[in-house]
C-alpha atoms as a PDB file:
ATOM      1  CA  MET A   1       0.000   0.000   0.000  1.00  0.00           C
ATOM      2  CA  LYS A   2       2.873   2.354   0.756  1.00  0.00           C
ATOM      3  CA  ALA A   3       4.215   2.027  -2.799  1.00  0.00           C
ATOM      4  CA  ALA A   4       0.846   2.926  -4.309  1.00  0.00           C
ATOM      5  CA  ALA A   5       0.470   5.936  -2.026  1.00  0.00           C
ATOM      6  CA  GLN A   6       4.011   7.039  -2.840  1.00  0.00           C
ATOM      7  CA  ALA A   7       3.361   6.819  -6.561  1.00  0.00           C
ATOM      8  CA  LEU A   8       0.169   8.860  -6.183  1.00  0.00           C
ATOM      9  CA  MET A   9       1.800  11.487  -4.007  1.00  0.00           C
ATOM     10  CA  ILE A  10       4.953  11.862  -6.127  1.00  0.00           C
ATOM     11  CA  GLY A  11       2.779  12.278  -9.204  1.00  0.00           C
ATOM     12  CA  LEU A  12       0.823  15.016  -7.450  1.00  0.00           C
ATOM     13  CA  MET A  13       3.984  16.746  -6.270  1.00  0.00           C
ATOM     14  CA  LEU A  14       5.833  16.616  -9.577  1.00  0.00           C
ATOM     15  CA  ALA A  15       2.750  17.920 -11.386  1.00  0.00           C
ATOM     16  CA  THR A  16       2.624  21.041  -9.177  1.00  0.00           C
ATOM     17  CA  PRO A  17       4.883  24.080  -9.378  1.00  0.00           C
ATOM     18  CA  ALA A  18       6.289  23.244  -5.912  1.00  0.00           C
ATOM     19  CA  CYS A  19       9.406  21.757  -7.495  1.00  0.00           C
ATOM     20  CA  ALA A  20       9.935  24.979  -9.406  1.00  0.00           C
ATOM     21  CA  GLU A  21       9.238  27.688  -6.829  1.00  0.00           C
ATOM     22  CA  PRO A  22       8.500  28.114  -3.109  1.00  0.00           C
ATOM     23  CA  ALA A  23       4.911  27.718  -1.928  1.00  0.00           C
ATOM     24  CA  GLN A  24       2.957  30.412  -0.126  1.00  0.00           C
ATOM     25  CA  GLN A  25       1.592  29.397   3.271  1.00  0.00           C
ATOM     26  CA  GLN A  26      -2.166  29.564   3.915  1.00  0.00           C
ATOM     27  CA  ASP A  27      -4.053  29.688   7.206  1.00  0.00           C
ATOM     28  CA  GLY A  28      -5.218  26.180   8.055  1.00  0.00           C
ATOM     29  CA  PRO A  29      -5.257  23.111   5.838  1.00  0.00           C
ATOM     30  CA  ARG A  30      -6.508  23.099   2.249  1.00  0.00           C
ATOM     31  CA  LEU A  31      -7.253  19.451   1.597  1.00  0.00           C
ATOM     32  CA  VAL A  32      -7.535  17.912  -1.873  1.00  0.00           C
ATOM     33  CA  LEU A  33      -9.021  14.403  -2.139  1.00  0.00           C
ATOM     34  CA  THR A  34      -6.398  12.361  -4.003  1.00  0.00           C
ATOM     35  CA  GLY A  35      -7.718   8.830  -3.662  1.00  0.00           C
ATOM     36  CA  VAL A  36     -10.099   6.413  -2.021  1.00  0.00           C
ATOM     37  CA  GLY A  37      -9.225   2.832  -1.167  1.00  0.00           C
ATOM     38  CA  ARG A  38      -8.824   1.432   2.300  1.00  0.00           C
ATOM     39  CA  PHE A  39      -8.758   5.106   3.391  1.00  0.00           C
ATOM     40  CA  ALA A  40      -9.772   8.399   1.816  1.00  0.00           C
ATOM     41  CA  VAL A  41      -6.484  10.230   1.211  1.00  0.00           C
ATOM     42  CA  PHE A  42      -6.141  14.008   1.091  1.00  0.00           C
ATOM     43  CA  ALA A  43      -3.152  16.168   0.173  1.00  0.00           C
ATOM     44  CA  ASP A  44      -2.793  19.322   2.280  1.00  0.00           C
ATOM     45  CA  VAL A  45      -1.794  21.766  -0.443  1.00  0.00           C
ATOM     46  CA  SER A  46      -1.385  24.558   2.132  1.00  0.00           C
ATOM     47  CA  ALA A  47       1.527  22.599   3.640  1.00  0.00           C
ATOM     48  CA  ILE A  48       3.525  22.240   0.412  1.00  0.00           C
ATOM     49  CA  GLY A  49       6.908  23.899   0.828  1.00  0.00           C
ATOM     50  CA  ARG A  50      10.237  23.772  -0.935  1.00  0.00           C
ATOM     51  CA  HIS A  51      13.592  23.459   0.831  1.00  0.00           C
ATOM     52  CA  GLY A  52      16.426  23.309  -1.706  1.00  0.00           C
ATOM     53  CA  ASN A  53      15.801  20.322  -3.982  1.00  0.00           C
ATOM     54  CA  GLU A  54      13.215  18.852  -1.611  1.00  0.00           C
ATOM     55  CA  VAL A  55       9.513  19.519  -1.382  1.00  0.00           C
ATOM     56  CA  ARG A  56       7.575  18.691   1.788  1.00  0.00           C
ATOM     57  CA  MET A  57       3.860  18.277   2.224  1.00  0.00           C
ATOM     58  CA  ARG A  58       1.503  16.466   4.512  1.00  0.00           C
ATOM     59  CA  SER A  59      -1.338  14.130   3.777  1.00  0.00           C
ATOM     60  CA  LEU A  60      -4.387  13.035   5.716  1.00  0.00           C
ATOM     61  CA  GLN A  61      -5.810   9.511   5.742  1.00  0.00           C
ATOM     62  CA  VAL A  62      -9.468   9.375   6.791  1.00  0.00           C
ATOM     63  CA  THR A  63     -10.882   6.121   8.171  1.00  0.00           C
ATOM     64  CA  GLU A  64     -14.357   4.737   7.761  1.00  0.00           C
ATOM     65  CA  GLU A  65     -16.921   5.809  10.355  1.00  0.00           C
ATOM     66  CA  ASP A  66     -16.615   4.114  13.782  1.00  0.00           C
ATOM     67  CA  PHE A  67     -13.054   2.899  13.101  1.00  0.00           C
ATOM     68  CA  THR A  68     -11.547   1.708  16.383  1.00  0.00           C
ATOM     69  CA  ALA A  69      -8.167   0.451  17.536  1.00  0.00           C
ATOM     70  CA  GLY A  70      -7.262  -0.425  21.101  1.00  0.00           C
ATOM     71  CA  GLY A  71     -10.671   0.685  22.301  1.00  0.00           C
ATOM     72  CA  GLU A  72     -10.262   4.206  20.841  1.00  0.00           C
ATOM     73  CA  THR A  73     -12.236   5.660  17.925  1.00  0.00           C
ATOM     74  CA  TYR A  74     -10.118   7.322  15.220  1.00  0.00           C
ATOM     75  CA  TRP A  75     -10.818   9.726  12.385  1.00  0.00           C
ATOM     76  CA  GLY A  76      -7.528   8.845  10.645  1.00  0.00           C
ATOM     77  CA  GLY A  77      -4.042  10.315  10.683  1.00  0.00           C
ATOM     78  CA  TRP A  78      -1.549  12.800   9.279  1.00  0.00           C
ATOM     79  CA  SER A  79       1.739  12.038   7.544  1.00  0.00           C
ATOM     80  CA  TRP A  80       4.538  14.322   6.421  1.00  0.00           C
ATOM     81  CA  TRP A  81       6.156  13.454   3.082  1.00  0.00           C
ATOM     82  CA  THR A  82       9.321  14.681   1.408  1.00  0.00           C
ATOM     83  CA  PHE A  83       9.965  14.557  -2.332  1.00  0.00           C
ATOM     84  CA  ASP A  84      13.376  15.071  -3.892  1.00  0.00           C
ATOM     85  CA  CYS A  85      12.930  16.911  -7.186  1.00  0.00           C
ATOM     86  CA  ARG A  86      16.468  16.125  -8.354  1.00  0.00           C
ATOM     87  CA  TRP A  87      16.347  12.355  -7.692  1.00  0.00           C
ATOM     88  CA  SER A  88      12.564  11.874  -8.130  1.00  0.00           C
ATOM     89  CA  THR A  89      12.181  10.074  -4.798  1.00  0.00           C
ATOM     90  CA  ALA A  90       9.376  10.097  -2.252  1.00  0.00           C
ATOM     91  CA  ASP A  91       9.603   9.354   1.464  1.00  0.00           C
ATOM     92  CA  ARG A  92       6.884   9.225   4.103  1.00  0.00           C
ATOM     93  CA  LEU A  93       8.445  10.668   7.248  1.00  0.00           C
ATOM     94  CA  ASP A  94       5.921   9.886   9.976  1.00  0.00           C
ATOM     95  CA  PHE A  95       2.355   9.090  10.984  1.00  0.00           C
ATOM     96  CA  ALA A  96       0.317  10.844  13.682  1.00  0.00           C
ATOM     97  CA  SER A  97      -3.092   9.394  14.436  1.00  0.00           C
ATOM     98  CA  VAL A  98      -6.155  11.607  14.842  1.00  0.00           C
ATOM     99  CA  ARG A  99      -8.614  10.372  17.451  1.00  0.00           C
ATOM    100  CA  GLU A 100     -12.317  11.160  17.293  1.00  0.00           C
ATOM    101  CA  GLY A 101     -12.730  14.812  18.214  1.00  0.00           C
ATOM    102  CA  GLY A 102      -9.457  15.860  16.562  1.00  0.00           C
ATOM    103  CA  VAL A 103      -6.830  14.933  19.162  1.00  0.00           C
ATOM    104  CA  GLU A 104      -3.584  14.318  17.241  1.00  0.00           C
ATOM    105  CA  GLY A 105      -0.525  12.214  17.881  1.00  0.00           C
ATOM    106  CA  PRO A 106       1.914  11.396  18.956  1.00  0.00           C
ATOM    107  CA  ALA A 107       3.838  11.137  15.697  1.00  0.00           C
ATOM    108  CA  THR A 108       5.599   7.855  14.944  1.00  0.00           C
ATOM    109  CA  LEU A 109       8.645   8.146  12.691  1.00  0.00           C
ATOM    110  CA  ASP A 110       8.679   6.119   9.468  1.00  0.00           C
ATOM    111  CA  THR A 111      12.293   5.011   9.145  1.00  0.00           C
ATOM    112  CA  ASP A 112      12.021   3.341   5.726  1.00  0.00           C
ATOM    113  CA  PRO A 113      14.401   5.018   3.273  1.00  0.00           C
ATOM    114  CA  ALA A 114      13.218   7.307   0.490  1.00  0.00           C
ATOM    115  CA  GLY A 115      11.531   5.353  -2.238  1.00  0.00           C
ATOM    116  CA  GLU A 116      12.439   5.225  -5.872  1.00  0.00           C
ATOM    117  CA  ALA A 117      10.016   4.431  -8.669  1.00  0.00           C
ATOM    118  CA  ASP A 118       8.234   1.099  -8.257  1.00  0.00           C
ATOM    119  CA  ALA A 119       7.073   1.001 -11.865  1.00  0.00           C
ATOM    120  CA  ASP A 120       8.411   2.368 -15.119  1.00  0.00           C
ATOM    121  CA  ASN A 121       5.203   2.071 -17.105  1.00  0.00           C
ATOM    122  CA  LEU A 122       1.446   2.054 -16.685  1.00  0.00           C
ATOM    123  CA  ALA A 123       0.983  -1.722 -16.994  1.00  0.00           C
ATOM    124  CA  ASP A 124       3.552  -2.399 -14.256  1.00  0.00           C
ATOM    125  CA  ALA A 125       1.942   0.215 -11.987  1.00  0.00           C
ATOM    126  CA  VAL A 126      -1.460  -1.460 -12.415  1.00  0.00           C
ATOM    127  CA  ARG A 127       0.022  -4.895 -11.670  1.00  0.00           C
ATOM    128  CA  ILE A 128       1.930  -3.674  -8.600  1.00  0.00           C
ATOM    129  CA  GLY A 129      -0.962  -1.532  -7.334  1.00  0.00           C
ATOM    130  CA  ARG A 130      -3.505  -4.337  -7.645  1.00  0.00           C
ATOM    131  CA  ALA A 131      -1.175  -6.749  -5.833  1.00  0.00           C
ATOM    132  CA  ALA A 132      -0.773  -4.193  -3.021  1.00  0.00           C
ATOM    133  CA  LEU A 133      -4.557  -3.763  -2.786  1.00  0.00           C
ATOM    134  CA  ARG A 134      -5.014  -7.541  -2.537  1.00  0.00           C
ATOM    135  CA  LEU A 135      -2.482  -7.696   0.298  1.00  0.00           C
ATOM    136  CA  ALA A 136      -4.139  -4.784   2.107  1.00  0.00           C
ATOM    137  CA  ASN A 137      -7.553  -6.444   2.002  1.00  0.00           C
END
């Protein structure tokens, strides 16, 4: 599932001017629905910012209604991502859950290294993405 999300997010990032020029900050999140699968995934376009060759942004995963874990009800969670415009890599940096009512965190670091492309063509992406969806379900 991580590979599919990375491919989606890197496509979104490389298609925006964030790799070309710094972003302007907005008050509060501006969330764009980027996909629906196990979760509804939003990109927070107000959080896109460039630092040298890297672009950072955060995403929000929204769970189905009444999603519980460990006796707690959750709305979903936030993740920060970094994209390297020079090397075309994507890396999810962390995950911070959001409990019902909006209480966030704490953030858990994602220590997997920055990802490179998982597919070099559309047919491979479909094959890899469908295999990831089967594993997730």
